[in-house]
PDB file of N, CA and C in Angstrom:
ATOM      1  N   GLN A   1       0.825  -1.178   0.000  1.00  0.00           N
ATOM      2  CA  GLN A   1       0.000   0.000   0.000  1.00  0.00           C
ATOM      3  C   GLN A   1       0.873   1.246   0.000  1.00  0.00           C
ATOM      4  N   GLU A   2       0.406   2.231  -0.734  1.00  0.00           N
ATOM      5  CA  GLU A   2       1.136   3.482  -0.776  1.00  0.00           C
ATOM      6  C   GLU A   2       0.873   4.261   0.501  1.00  0.00           C
ATOM      7  N   GLN A   3       1.832   5.064   0.894  1.00  0.00           N
ATOM      8  CA  GLN A   3       1.695   5.834   2.114  1.00  0.00           C
ATOM      9  C   GLN A   3       1.410   7.284   1.794  1.00  0.00           C
ATOM     10  N   LEU A   4       0.608   7.896   2.627  1.00  0.00           N
ATOM     11  CA  LEU A   4       0.288   9.306   2.479  1.00  0.00           C
ATOM     12  C   LEU A   4       1.250  10.160   3.299  1.00  0.00           C
ATOM     13  N   VAL A   5       1.388  11.407   2.917  1.00  0.00           N
ATOM     14  CA  VAL A   5       2.280  12.325   3.613  1.00  0.00           C
ATOM     15  C   VAL A   5       1.480  13.546   4.067  1.00  0.00           C
ATOM     16  N   GLU A   6       1.423  13.732   5.358  1.00  0.00           N
ATOM     17  CA  GLU A   6       0.731  14.876   5.938  1.00  0.00           C
ATOM     18  C   GLU A   6       1.739  15.958   6.330  1.00  0.00           C
ATOM     19  N   SER A   7       1.319  17.204   6.241  1.00  0.00           N
ATOM     20  CA  SER A   7       2.195  18.311   6.614  1.00  0.00           C
ATOM     21  C   SER A   7       1.361  19.501   7.045  1.00  0.00           C
ATOM     22  N   GLY A   8       2.035  20.497   7.629  1.00  0.00           N
ATOM     23  CA  GLY A   8       1.364  21.735   7.992  1.00  0.00           C
ATOM     24  C   GLY A   8       1.062  21.902   9.465  1.00  0.00           C
ATOM     25  N   GLY A   9       1.354  20.892  10.260  1.00  0.00           N
ATOM     26  CA  GLY A   9       1.092  21.007  11.687  1.00  0.00           C
ATOM     27  C   GLY A   9       2.038  21.978  12.358  1.00  0.00           C
ATOM     28  N   GLY A  10       1.800  22.212  13.630  1.00  0.00           N
ATOM     29  CA  GLY A  10       2.647  23.125  14.386  1.00  0.00           C
ATOM     30  C   GLY A  10       2.048  23.424  15.733  1.00  0.00           C
ATOM     31  N   SER A  11       2.636  24.409  16.403  1.00  0.00           N
ATOM     32  CA  SER A  11       2.153  24.839  17.713  1.00  0.00           C
ATOM     33  C   SER A  11       1.512  26.205  17.585  1.00  0.00           C
ATOM     34  N   VAL A  12       0.290  26.320  18.067  1.00  0.00           N
ATOM     35  CA  VAL A  12      -0.436  27.591  18.013  1.00  0.00           C
ATOM     36  C   VAL A  12      -1.118  27.832  19.350  1.00  0.00           C
ATOM     37  N   GLN A  13      -1.527  29.061  19.555  1.00  0.00           N
ATOM     38  CA  GLN A  13      -2.282  29.393  20.757  1.00  0.00           C
ATOM     39  C   GLN A  13      -3.780  29.217  20.497  1.00  0.00           C
ATOM     40  N   VAL A  14      -4.522  29.152  21.572  1.00  0.00           N
ATOM     41  CA  VAL A  14      -5.972  29.032  21.470  1.00  0.00           C
ATOM     42  C   VAL A  14      -6.522  30.135  20.558  1.00  0.00           C
ATOM     43  N   GLY A  15      -7.392  29.731  19.660  1.00  0.00           N
ATOM     44  CA  GLY A  15      -7.978  30.670  18.724  1.00  0.00           C
ATOM     45  C   GLY A  15      -7.217  30.805  17.419  1.00  0.00           C
ATOM     46  N   GLY A  16      -6.063  30.184  17.354  1.00  0.00           N
ATOM     47  CA  GLY A  16      -5.246  30.278  16.156  1.00  0.00           C
ATOM     48  C   GLY A  16      -5.722  29.383  15.030  1.00  0.00           C
ATOM     49  N   SER A  17      -5.001  29.426  13.925  1.00  0.00           N
ATOM     50  CA  SER A  17      -5.374  28.665  12.737  1.00  0.00           C
ATOM     51  C   SER A  17      -4.165  27.923  12.174  1.00  0.00           C
ATOM     52  N   LEU A  18      -4.468  26.826  11.532  1.00  0.00           N
ATOM     53  CA  LEU A  18      -3.462  26.056  10.799  1.00  0.00           C
ATOM     54  C   LEU A  18      -4.120  25.470   9.564  1.00  0.00           C
ATOM     55  N   ARG A  19      -3.308  25.209   8.530  1.00  0.00           N
ATOM     56  CA  ARG A  19      -3.807  24.530   7.338  1.00  0.00           C
ATOM     57  C   ARG A  19      -2.957  23.296   7.083  1.00  0.00           C
ATOM     58  N   LEU A  20      -3.590  22.154   7.165  1.00  0.00           N
ATOM     59  CA  LEU A  20      -2.897  20.897   6.929  1.00  0.00           C
ATOM     60  C   LEU A  20      -3.026  20.486   5.471  1.00  0.00           C
ATOM     61  N   SER A  21      -2.018  19.774   4.995  1.00  0.00           N
ATOM     62  CA  SER A  21      -2.038  19.250   3.634  1.00  0.00           C
ATOM     63  C   SER A  21      -1.735  17.766   3.656  1.00  0.00           C
ATOM     64  N   CYS A  22      -2.198  17.073   2.628  1.00  0.00           N
ATOM     65  CA  CYS A  22      -1.980  15.632   2.522  1.00  0.00           C
ATOM     66  C   CYS A  22      -1.780  15.287   1.048  1.00  0.00           C
ATOM     67  N   SER A  23      -0.770  14.526   0.752  1.00  0.00           N
ATOM     68  CA  SER A  23      -0.542  14.102  -0.627  1.00  0.00           C
ATOM     69  C   SER A  23      -0.065  12.655  -0.639  1.00  0.00           C
ATOM     70  N   ALA A  24      -0.146  12.058  -1.803  1.00  0.00           N
ATOM     71  CA  ALA A  24       0.290  10.682  -1.986  1.00  0.00           C
ATOM     72  C   ALA A  24       1.572  10.669  -2.810  1.00  0.00           C
ATOM     73  N   SER A  25       2.556  11.360  -2.295  1.00  0.00           N
ATOM     74  CA  SER A  25       3.859  11.444  -2.968  1.00  0.00           C
ATOM     75  C   SER A  25       3.703  11.899  -4.413  1.00  0.00           C
ATOM     76  N   GLY A  26       2.779  12.804  -4.625  1.00  0.00           N
ATOM     77  CA  GLY A  26       2.609  13.378  -5.946  1.00  0.00           C
ATOM     78  C   GLY A  26       1.744  12.580  -6.881  1.00  0.00           C
ATOM     79  N   ARG A  27       1.346  11.391  -6.465  1.00  0.00           N
ATOM     80  CA  ARG A  27       0.514  10.570  -7.321  1.00  0.00           C
ATOM     81  C   ARG A  27      -0.947  10.964  -7.169  1.00  0.00           C
ATOM     82  N   ALA A  28      -1.720  10.630  -8.140  1.00  0.00           N
ATOM     83  CA  ALA A  28      -3.125  10.987  -8.113  1.00  0.00           C
ATOM     84  C   ALA A  28      -3.864  10.150  -7.076  1.00  0.00           C
ATOM     85  N   PHE A  29      -4.815  10.788  -6.399  1.00  0.00           N
ATOM     86  CA  PHE A  29      -5.708  10.066  -5.512  1.00  0.00           C
ATOM     87  C   PHE A  29      -6.611   9.178  -6.363  1.00  0.00           C
ATOM     88  N   PRO A  30      -7.019   8.031  -5.830  1.00  0.00           N
ATOM     89  CA  PRO A  30      -8.034   7.253  -6.535  1.00  0.00           C
ATOM     90  C   PRO A  30      -9.351   8.013  -6.515  1.00  0.00           C
ATOM     91  N   SER A  31     -10.258   7.571  -7.337  1.00  0.00           N
ATOM     92  CA  SER A  31     -11.557   8.243  -7.415  1.00  0.00           C
ATOM     93  C   SER A  31     -12.404   7.844  -6.214  1.00  0.00           C
ATOM     94  N   SER A  32     -12.093   8.448  -5.096  1.00  0.00           N
ATOM     95  CA  SER A  32     -12.753   8.083  -3.853  1.00  0.00           C
ATOM     96  C   SER A  32     -12.765   9.276  -2.922  1.00  0.00           C
ATOM     97  N   GLY A  33     -13.562   9.159  -1.885  1.00  0.00           N
ATOM     98  CA  GLY A  33     -13.530  10.174  -0.853  1.00  0.00           C
ATOM     99  C   GLY A  33     -12.209  10.124  -0.094  1.00  0.00           C
ATOM    100  N   MET A  34     -11.937  11.226   0.573  1.00  0.00           N
ATOM    101  CA  MET A  34     -10.751  11.313   1.431  1.00  0.00           C
ATOM    102  C   MET A  34     -11.190  11.884   2.770  1.00  0.00           C
ATOM    103  N   GLY A  35     -10.464  11.511   3.802  1.00  0.00           N
ATOM    104  CA  GLY A  35     -10.851  11.973   5.134  1.00  0.00           C
ATOM    105  C   GLY A  35      -9.662  12.353   5.986  1.00  0.00           C
ATOM    106  N   TRP A  36      -9.966  13.092   7.030  1.00  0.00           N
ATOM    107  CA  TRP A  36      -8.970  13.442   8.048  1.00  0.00           C
ATOM    108  C   TRP A  36      -9.334  12.735   9.348  1.00  0.00           C
ATOM    109  N   PHE A  37      -8.307  12.302  10.047  1.00  0.00           N
ATOM    110  CA  PHE A  37      -8.431  11.625  11.321  1.00  0.00           C
ATOM    111  C   PHE A  37      -7.435  12.262  12.283  1.00  0.00           C
ATOM    112  N   ARG A  38      -7.624  12.042  13.566  1.00  0.00           N
ATOM    113  CA  ARG A  38      -6.651  12.532  14.527  1.00  0.00           C
ATOM    114  C   ARG A  38      -6.557  11.589  15.717  1.00  0.00           C
ATOM    115  N   GLN A  39      -5.412  11.626  16.368  1.00  0.00           N
ATOM    116  CA  GLN A  39      -5.190  10.795  17.539  1.00  0.00           C
ATOM    117  C   GLN A  39      -4.552  11.649  18.620  1.00  0.00           C
ATOM    118  N   ALA A  40      -5.296  11.867  19.684  1.00  0.00           N
ATOM    119  CA  ALA A  40      -4.804  12.624  20.827  1.00  0.00           C
ATOM    120  C   ALA A  40      -4.027  11.687  21.745  1.00  0.00           C
ATOM    121  N   PRO A  41      -3.153  12.237  22.580  1.00  0.00           N
ATOM    122  CA  PRO A  41      -2.365  11.400  23.495  1.00  0.00           C
ATOM    123  C   PRO A  41      -3.257  10.532  24.366  1.00  0.00           C
ATOM    124  N   GLY A  42      -2.958   9.248  24.386  1.00  0.00           N
ATOM    125  CA  GLY A  42      -3.711   8.334  25.228  1.00  0.00           C
ATOM    126  C   GLY A  42      -5.074   7.937  24.711  1.00  0.00           C
ATOM    127  N   LYS A  43      -5.415   8.384  23.495  1.00  0.00           N
ATOM    128  CA  LYS A  43      -6.734   8.085  22.922  1.00  0.00           C
ATOM    129  C   LYS A  43      -6.587   7.340  21.598  1.00  0.00           C
ATOM    130  N   GLU A  44      -7.684   6.732  21.164  1.00  0.00           N
ATOM    131  CA  GLU A  44      -7.695   6.071  19.878  1.00  0.00           C
ATOM    132  C   GLU A  44      -7.829   7.097  18.754  1.00  0.00           C
ATOM    133  N   ARG A  45      -7.393   6.692  17.584  1.00  0.00           N
ATOM    134  CA  ARG A  45      -7.539   7.564  16.421  1.00  0.00           C
ATOM    135  C   ARG A  45      -9.025   7.725  16.097  1.00  0.00           C
ATOM    136  N   GLU A  46      -9.425   8.956  15.805  1.00  0.00           N
ATOM    137  CA  GLU A  46     -10.829   9.236  15.520  1.00  0.00           C
ATOM    138  C   GLU A  46     -10.972   9.945  14.180  1.00  0.00           C
ATOM    139  N   PHE A  47     -12.062   9.672  13.534  1.00  0.00           N
ATOM    140  CA  PHE A  47     -12.408  10.330  12.278  1.00  0.00           C
ATOM    141  C   PHE A  47     -12.999  11.698  12.575  1.00  0.00           C
ATOM    142  N   ILE A  48     -12.623  12.721  11.771  1.00  0.00           N
ATOM    143  CA  ILE A  48     -13.167  14.053  12.012  1.00  0.00           C
ATOM    144  C   ILE A  48     -13.821  14.701  10.796  1.00  0.00           C
ATOM    145  N   ALA A  49     -13.415  14.363   9.586  1.00  0.00           N
ATOM    146  CA  ALA A  49     -13.997  15.027   8.417  1.00  0.00           C
ATOM    147  C   ALA A  49     -13.737  14.217   7.161  1.00  0.00           C
ATOM    148  N   ALA A  50     -14.632  14.347   6.186  1.00  0.00           N
ATOM    149  CA  ALA A  50     -14.453  13.663   4.906  1.00  0.00           C
ATOM    150  C   ALA A  50     -14.985  14.519   3.775  1.00  0.00           C
ATOM    151  N   ILE A  51     -14.492  14.234   2.570  1.00  0.00           N
ATOM    152  CA  ILE A  51     -14.916  14.959   1.384  1.00  0.00           C
ATOM    153  C   ILE A  51     -15.045  13.963   0.238  1.00  0.00           C
ATOM    154  N   SER A  52     -16.043  14.166  -0.594  1.00  0.00           N
ATOM    155  CA  SER A  52     -16.250  13.286  -1.736  1.00  0.00           C
ATOM    156  C   SER A  52     -15.199  13.528  -2.813  1.00  0.00           C
ATOM    157  N   TRP A  53     -15.151  12.640  -3.784  1.00  0.00           N
ATOM    158  CA  TRP A  53     -14.173  12.776  -4.871  1.00  0.00           C
ATOM    159  C   TRP A  53     -14.303  14.132  -5.569  1.00  0.00           C
ATOM    160  N   SER A  54     -15.519  14.543  -5.860  1.00  0.00           N
ATOM    161  CA  SER A  54     -15.731  15.811  -6.571  1.00  0.00           C
ATOM    162  C   SER A  54     -15.526  17.024  -5.686  1.00  0.00           C
ATOM    163  N   GLY A  55     -15.554  16.813  -4.384  1.00  0.00           N
ATOM    164  CA  GLY A  55     -15.463  17.943  -3.469  1.00  0.00           C
ATOM    165  C   GLY A  55     -16.804  18.563  -3.157  1.00  0.00           C
ATOM    166  N   GLY A  56     -17.858  18.047  -3.780  1.00  0.00           N
ATOM    167  CA  GLY A  56     -19.160  18.657  -3.605  1.00  0.00           C
ATOM    168  C   GLY A  56     -19.874  18.288  -2.331  1.00  0.00           C
ATOM    169  N   ASN A  57     -19.402  17.255  -1.680  1.00  0.00           N
ATOM    170  CA  ASN A  57     -20.021  16.831  -0.419  1.00  0.00           C
ATOM    171  C   ASN A  57     -18.976  16.677   0.661  1.00  0.00           C
ATOM    172  N   THR A  58     -19.317  17.159   1.847  1.00  0.00           N
ATOM    173  CA  THR A  58     -18.420  17.060   2.989  1.00  0.00           C
ATOM    174  C   THR A  58     -19.200  16.615   4.216  1.00  0.00           C
ATOM    175  N   TYR A  59     -18.464  16.155   5.210  1.00  0.00           N
ATOM    176  CA  TYR A  59     -19.066  15.753   6.481  1.00  0.00           C
ATOM    177  C   TYR A  59     -18.076  16.057   7.592  1.00  0.00           C
ATOM    178  N   TYR A  60     -18.581  16.555   8.710  1.00  0.00           N
ATOM    179  CA  TYR A  60     -17.745  16.866   9.870  1.00  0.00           C
ATOM    180  C   TYR A  60     -18.376  16.275  11.131  1.00  0.00           C
ATOM    181  N   VAL A  61     -17.541  15.824  12.025  1.00  0.00           N
ATOM    182  CA  VAL A  61     -18.068  15.453  13.323  1.00  0.00           C
ATOM    183  C   VAL A  61     -18.387  16.729  14.092  1.00  0.00           C
ATOM    184  N   ASP A  62     -19.233  16.605  15.081  1.00  0.00           N
ATOM    185  CA  ASP A  62     -19.720  17.794  15.785  1.00  0.00           C
ATOM    186  C   ASP A  62     -18.601  18.607  16.423  1.00  0.00           C
ATOM    187  N   SER A  63     -17.572  17.934  16.901  1.00  0.00           N
ATOM    188  CA  SER A  63     -16.517  18.635  17.636  1.00  0.00           C
ATOM    189  C   SER A  63     -15.715  19.614  16.770  1.00  0.00           C
ATOM    190  N   VAL A  64     -15.767  19.458  15.456  1.00  0.00           N
ATOM    191  CA  VAL A  64     -14.994  20.361  14.581  1.00  0.00           C
ATOM    192  C   VAL A  64     -15.885  21.148  13.629  1.00  0.00           C
ATOM    193  N   LYS A  65     -17.163  20.822  13.592  1.00  0.00           N
ATOM    194  CA  LYS A  65     -18.086  21.484  12.661  1.00  0.00           C
ATOM    195  C   LYS A  65     -18.116  22.972  12.915  1.00  0.00           C
ATOM    196  N   GLY A  66     -18.014  23.743  11.849  1.00  0.00           N
ATOM    197  CA  GLY A  66     -18.040  25.195  11.963  1.00  0.00           C
ATOM    198  C   GLY A  66     -16.669  25.814  12.191  1.00  0.00           C
ATOM    199  N   ARG A  67     -15.682  24.998  12.516  1.00  0.00           N
ATOM    200  CA  ARG A  67     -14.321  25.495  12.752  1.00  0.00           C
ATOM    201  C   ARG A  67     -13.327  24.965  11.726  1.00  0.00           C
ATOM    202  N   PHE A  68     -13.537  23.747  11.272  1.00  0.00           N
ATOM    203  CA  PHE A  68     -12.625  23.113  10.304  1.00  0.00           C
ATOM    204  C   PHE A  68     -13.300  23.043   8.942  1.00  0.00           C
ATOM    205  N   THR A  69     -12.487  23.149   7.898  1.00  0.00           N
ATOM    206  CA  THR A  69     -12.990  23.004   6.525  1.00  0.00           C
ATOM    207  C   THR A  69     -12.081  22.068   5.750  1.00  0.00           C
ATOM    208  N   ILE A  70     -12.668  21.006   5.209  1.00  0.00           N
ATOM    209  CA  ILE A  70     -11.922  20.061   4.389  1.00  0.00           C
ATOM    210  C   ILE A  70     -12.116  20.424   2.927  1.00  0.00           C
ATOM    211  N   SER A  71     -11.046  20.319   2.156  1.00  0.00           N
ATOM    212  CA  SER A  71     -11.134  20.604   0.727  1.00  0.00           C
ATOM    213  C   SER A  71     -10.087  19.761   0.002  1.00  0.00           C
ATOM    214  N   ARG A  72     -10.196  19.724  -1.303  1.00  0.00           N
ATOM    215  CA  ARG A  72      -9.229  18.961  -2.079  1.00  0.00           C
ATOM    216  C   ARG A  72      -9.006  19.640  -3.428  1.00  0.00           C
ATOM    217  N   ASP A  73      -7.820  19.469  -3.961  1.00  0.00           N
ATOM    218  CA  ASP A  73      -7.485  19.947  -5.285  1.00  0.00           C
ATOM    219  C   ASP A  73      -6.980  18.737  -6.056  1.00  0.00           C
ATOM    220  N   ASN A  74      -7.847  18.126  -6.813  1.00  0.00           N
ATOM    221  CA  ASN A  74      -7.481  16.903  -7.516  1.00  0.00           C
ATOM    222  C   ASN A  74      -6.418  17.154  -8.586  1.00  0.00           C
ATOM    223  N   ALA A  75      -6.359  18.352  -9.120  1.00  0.00           N
ATOM    224  CA  ALA A  75      -5.326  18.673 -10.098  1.00  0.00           C
ATOM    225  C   ALA A  75      -3.945  18.668  -9.460  1.00  0.00           C
ATOM    226  N   LYS A  76      -3.902  19.013  -8.170  1.00  0.00           N
ATOM    227  CA  LYS A  76      -2.637  19.018  -7.440  1.00  0.00           C
ATOM    228  C   LYS A  76      -2.473  17.768  -6.575  1.00  0.00           C
ATOM    229  N   ASN A  77      -3.467  16.877  -6.636  1.00  0.00           N
ATOM    230  CA  ASN A  77      -3.412  15.635  -5.849  1.00  0.00           C
ATOM    231  C   ASN A  77      -3.164  15.922  -4.376  1.00  0.00           C
ATOM    232  N   THR A  78      -3.877  16.898  -3.857  1.00  0.00           N
ATOM    233  CA  THR A  78      -3.662  17.333  -2.478  1.00  0.00           C
ATOM    234  C   THR A  78      -4.995  17.504  -1.757  1.00  0.00           C
ATOM    235  N   LEU A  79      -4.999  17.064  -0.521  1.00  0.00           N
ATOM    236  CA  LEU A  79      -6.139  17.218   0.390  1.00  0.00           C
ATOM    237  C   LEU A  79      -5.749  18.249   1.447  1.00  0.00           C
ATOM    238  N   TYR A  80      -6.713  19.052   1.860  1.00  0.00           N
ATOM    239  CA  TYR A  80      -6.441  20.102   2.848  1.00  0.00           C
ATOM    240  C   TYR A  80      -7.397  20.014   4.024  1.00  0.00           C
ATOM    241  N   LEU A  81      -6.942  20.587   5.149  1.00  0.00           N
ATOM    242  CA  LEU A  81      -7.817  20.788   6.291  1.00  0.00           C
ATOM    243  C   LEU A  81      -7.481  22.157   6.883  1.00  0.00           C
ATOM    244  N   GLN A  82      -8.368  23.106   6.674  1.00  0.00           N
ATOM    245  CA  GLN A  82      -8.227  24.427   7.279  1.00  0.00           C
ATOM    246  C   GLN A  82      -8.833  24.376   8.677  1.00  0.00           C
ATOM    247  N   MET A  83      -8.037  24.699   9.671  1.00  0.00           N
ATOM    248  CA  MET A  83      -8.479  24.617  11.061  1.00  0.00           C
ATOM    249  C   MET A  83      -8.441  26.012  11.667  1.00  0.00           C
ATOM    250  N   ASN A  84      -9.579  26.503  12.061  1.00  0.00           N
ATOM    251  CA  ASN A  84      -9.697  27.817  12.690  1.00  0.00           C
ATOM    252  C   ASN A  84     -10.225  27.672  14.116  1.00  0.00           C
ATOM    253  N   SER A  85     -10.084  28.727  14.879  1.00  0.00           N
ATOM    254  CA  SER A  85     -10.586  28.753  16.258  1.00  0.00           C
ATOM    255  C   SER A  85     -10.135  27.515  17.019  1.00  0.00           C
ATOM    256  N   LEU A  86      -8.861  27.228  16.948  1.00  0.00           N
ATOM    257  CA  LEU A  86      -8.336  26.013  17.556  1.00  0.00           C
ATOM    258  C   LEU A  86      -8.445  26.055  19.076  1.00  0.00           C
ATOM    259  N   LYS A  87      -8.679  24.865  19.632  1.00  0.00           N
ATOM    260  CA  LYS A  87      -8.846  24.692  21.070  1.00  0.00           C
ATOM    261  C   LYS A  87      -7.792  23.706  21.579  1.00  0.00           C
ATOM    262  N   PRO A  88      -7.507  23.739  22.875  1.00  0.00           N
ATOM    263  CA  PRO A  88      -6.535  22.766  23.423  1.00  0.00           C
ATOM    264  C   PRO A  88      -6.926  21.321  23.128  1.00  0.00           C
ATOM    265  N   GLU A  89      -8.209  21.032  23.097  1.00  0.00           N
ATOM    266  CA  GLU A  89      -8.653  19.656  22.830  1.00  0.00           C
ATOM    267  C   GLU A  89      -8.452  19.241  21.379  1.00  0.00           C
ATOM    268  N   ASP A  90      -8.019  20.148  20.530  1.00  0.00           N
ATOM    269  CA  ASP A  90      -7.665  19.792  19.158  1.00  0.00           C
ATOM    270  C   ASP A  90      -6.235  19.267  19.061  1.00  0.00           C
ATOM    271  N   THR A  91      -5.503  19.337  20.161  1.00  0.00           N
ATOM    272  CA  THR A  91      -4.132  18.834  20.168  1.00  0.00           C
ATOM    273  C   THR A  91      -4.127  17.341  19.868  1.00  0.00           C
ATOM    274  N   ALA A  92      -3.396  16.961  18.815  1.00  0.00           N
ATOM    275  CA  ALA A  92      -3.379  15.571  18.353  1.00  0.00           C
ATOM    276  C   ALA A  92      -2.419  15.453  17.183  1.00  0.00           C
ATOM    277  N   VAL A  93      -2.162  14.216  16.798  1.00  0.00           N
ATOM    278  CA  VAL A  93      -1.500  13.949  15.528  1.00  0.00           C
ATOM    279  C   VAL A  93      -2.594  13.744  14.487  1.00  0.00           C
ATOM    280  N   TYR A  94      -2.490  14.463  13.394  1.00  0.00           N
ATOM    281  CA  TYR A  94      -3.523  14.438  12.355  1.00  0.00           C
ATOM    282  C   TYR A  94      -3.061  13.596  11.172  1.00  0.00           C
ATOM    283  N   TYR A  95      -3.972  12.755  10.689  1.00  0.00           N
ATOM    284  CA  TYR A  95      -3.697  11.844   9.579  1.00  0.00           C
ATOM    285  C   TYR A  95      -4.763  12.005   8.503  1.00  0.00           C
ATOM    286  N   CYS A  96      -4.410  11.662   7.289  1.00  0.00           N
ATOM    287  CA  CYS A  96      -5.396  11.584   6.212  1.00  0.00           C
ATOM    288  C   CYS A  96      -5.420  10.148   5.685  1.00  0.00           C
ATOM    289  N   ASN A  97      -6.503   9.799   5.036  1.00  0.00           N
ATOM    290  CA  ASN A  97      -6.607   8.482   4.415  1.00  0.00           C
ATOM    291  C   ASN A  97      -7.809   8.466   3.488  1.00  0.00           C
ATOM    292  N   GLY A  98      -7.877   7.458   2.641  1.00  0.00           N
ATOM    293  CA  GLY A  98      -9.029   7.291   1.774  1.00  0.00           C
ATOM    294  C   GLY A  98     -10.210   6.756   2.555  1.00  0.00           C
ATOM    295  N   VAL A  99     -11.404   7.172   2.172  1.00  0.00           N
ATOM    296  CA  VAL A  99     -12.611   6.695   2.820  1.00  0.00           C
ATOM    297  C   VAL A  99     -13.619   6.232   1.786  1.00  0.00           C
ATOM    298  N   LEU A 100     -14.430   5.254   2.186  1.00  0.00           N
ATOM    299  CA  LEU A 100     -15.465   4.715   1.316  1.00  0.00           C
ATOM    300  C   LEU A 100     -16.784   5.453   1.484  1.00  0.00           C
ATOM    301  N   THR A 101     -16.967   6.055   2.625  1.00  0.00           N
ATOM    302  CA  THR A 101     -18.182   6.823   2.896  1.00  0.00           C
ATOM    303  C   THR A 101     -17.818   8.129   3.577  1.00  0.00           C
ATOM    304  N   LEU A 102     -18.725   9.063   3.543  1.00  0.00           N
ATOM    305  CA  LEU A 102     -18.458  10.350   4.196  1.00  0.00           C
ATOM    306  C   LEU A 102     -18.484  10.250   5.712  1.00  0.00           C
ATOM    307  N   ARG A 103     -18.907   9.112   6.240  1.00  0.00           N
ATOM    308  CA  ARG A 103     -18.863   8.922   7.687  1.00  0.00           C
ATOM    309  C   ARG A 103     -17.540   8.305   8.138  1.00  0.00           C
ATOM    310  N   GLY A 104     -16.606   8.152   7.192  1.00  0.00           N
ATOM    311  CA  GLY A 104     -15.260   7.778   7.593  1.00  0.00           C
ATOM    312  C   GLY A 104     -14.890   6.317   7.495  1.00  0.00           C
ATOM    313  N   SER A 105     -15.679   5.508   6.797  1.00  0.00           N
ATOM    314  CA  SER A 105     -15.287   4.107   6.616  1.00  0.00           C
ATOM    315  C   SER A 105     -14.018   4.046   5.782  1.00  0.00           C
ATOM    316  N   LEU A 106     -12.980   3.428   6.329  1.00  0.00           N
ATOM    317  CA  LEU A 106     -11.681   3.443   5.678  1.00  0.00           C
ATOM    318  C   LEU A 106     -11.664   2.640   4.391  1.00  0.00           C
ATOM    319  N   ALA A 107     -11.019   3.189   3.392  1.00  0.00           N
ATOM    320  CA  ALA A 107     -10.706   2.448   2.173  1.00  0.00           C
ATOM    321  C   ALA A 107      -9.364   1.743   2.397  1.00  0.00           C
ATOM    322  N   ASP A 108      -8.968   0.915   1.468  1.00  0.00           N
ATOM    323  CA  ASP A 108      -7.699   0.193   1.642  1.00  0.00           C
ATOM    324  C   ASP A 108      -6.662   0.613   0.601  1.00  0.00           C
ATOM    325  N   PHE A 109      -6.758   1.875   0.161  1.00  0.00           N
ATOM    326  CA  PHE A 109      -5.823   2.330  -0.854  1.00  0.00           C
ATOM    327  C   PHE A 109      -4.456   2.630  -0.254  1.00  0.00           C
ATOM    328  N   TYR A 110      -4.449   3.088   1.001  1.00  0.00           N
ATOM    329  CA  TYR A 110      -3.222   3.599   1.599  1.00  0.00           C
ATOM    330  C   TYR A 110      -3.002   3.016   2.987  1.00  0.00           C
ATOM    331  N   SER A 111      -1.729   2.929   3.363  1.00  0.00           N
ATOM    332  CA  SER A 111      -1.402   2.683   4.756  1.00  0.00           C
ATOM    333  C   SER A 111      -1.338   4.043   5.453  1.00  0.00           C
ATOM    334  N   TRP A 112      -1.345   4.015   6.764  1.00  0.00           N
ATOM    335  CA  TRP A 112      -1.278   5.269   7.504  1.00  0.00           C
ATOM    336  C   TRP A 112       0.090   5.913   7.349  1.00  0.00           C
ATOM    337  N   GLY A 113       0.100   7.253   7.173  1.00  0.00           N
ATOM    338  CA  GLY A 113       1.334   7.995   7.149  1.00  0.00           C
ATOM    339  C   GLY A 113       1.802   8.298   8.555  1.00  0.00           C
ATOM    340  N   ARG A 114       2.798   9.163   8.648  1.00  0.00           N
ATOM    341  CA  ARG A 114       3.335   9.528   9.969  1.00  0.00           C
ATOM    342  C   ARG A 114       2.468  10.560  10.672  1.00  0.00           C
ATOM    343  N   GLY A 115       1.629  11.217   9.933  1.00  0.00           N
ATOM    344  CA  GLY A 115       0.806  12.255  10.525  1.00  0.00           C
ATOM    345  C   GLY A 115       1.571  13.543  10.729  1.00  0.00           C
ATOM    346  N   THR A 116       0.840  14.558  11.173  1.00  0.00           N
ATOM    347  CA  THR A 116       1.458  15.843  11.477  1.00  0.00           C
ATOM    348  C   THR A 116       0.923  16.320  12.822  1.00  0.00           C
ATOM    349  N   GLN A 117       1.823  16.749  13.691  1.00  0.00           N
ATOM    350  CA  GLN A 117       1.452  17.113  15.061  1.00  0.00           C
ATOM    351  C   GLN A 117       0.859  18.513  15.110  1.00  0.00           C
ATOM    352  N   VAL A 118      -0.268  18.630  15.778  1.00  0.00           N
ATOM    353  CA  VAL A 118      -0.884  19.922  16.061  1.00  0.00           C
ATOM    354  C   VAL A 118      -0.971  20.069  17.570  1.00  0.00           C
ATOM    355  N   THR A 119      -0.413  21.166  18.061  1.00  0.00           N
ATOM    356  CA  THR A 119      -0.432  21.438  19.495  1.00  0.00           C
ATOM    357  C   THR A 119      -1.045  22.817  19.723  1.00  0.00           C
ATOM    358  N   VAL A 120      -2.094  22.848  20.532  1.00  0.00           N
ATOM    359  CA  VAL A 120      -2.786  24.100  20.828  1.00  0.00           C
ATOM    360  C   VAL A 120      -2.622  24.390  22.315  1.00  0.00           C
ATOM    361  N   SER A 121      -2.039  25.525  22.613  1.00  0.00           N
ATOM    362  CA  SER A 121      -1.782  25.876  24.000  1.00  0.00           C
ATOM    363  C   SER A 121      -2.600  27.095  24.411  1.00  0.00           C
ATOM    364  N   SER A 122      -2.918  27.111  25.675  1.00  0.00           N
ATOM    365  CA  SER A 122      -3.714  28.242  26.192  1.00  0.00           C
ATOM    366  C   SER A 122      -2.828  29.305  26.807  1.00  0.00           C
TER     367      SER A 122
END
C-alpha cells in the first residue's frame, strides 16, 4: 500500500489557525472520498472530516463542525484541512486516508502515514 504524507502542523495558541495538507507522494488520488483523522495522546484515532471525490459533499463530526474546513485539489493531488478557532482539545497527531463513505469508513488504498502534530496551548 502506498503511504500518504501529511504536513502543515505546528504549535499555536488558542484561537489560532493552521492549514494541513496531505498528498500521496505526488501521485493521483483514486476516485474516492478522502478523510482526516486525529489521535490525541492516550486516545484512539478518531475520524473528524471527509470529502467526496468531486469535493461537492463534505461531512464533519460535531466537535470540529463550523471550525474546520476540508477541501481537495485533484489537479494538485492534495487534500487540505483548514483549522480555525483552535482549542486545546484539538491537540493531536492528524492523519489523512481514503474513505469509502463520508462517515469515515476506511478504504484500503493507503497505509497510515506519519501524521502531522498539532499542538494548541492556552
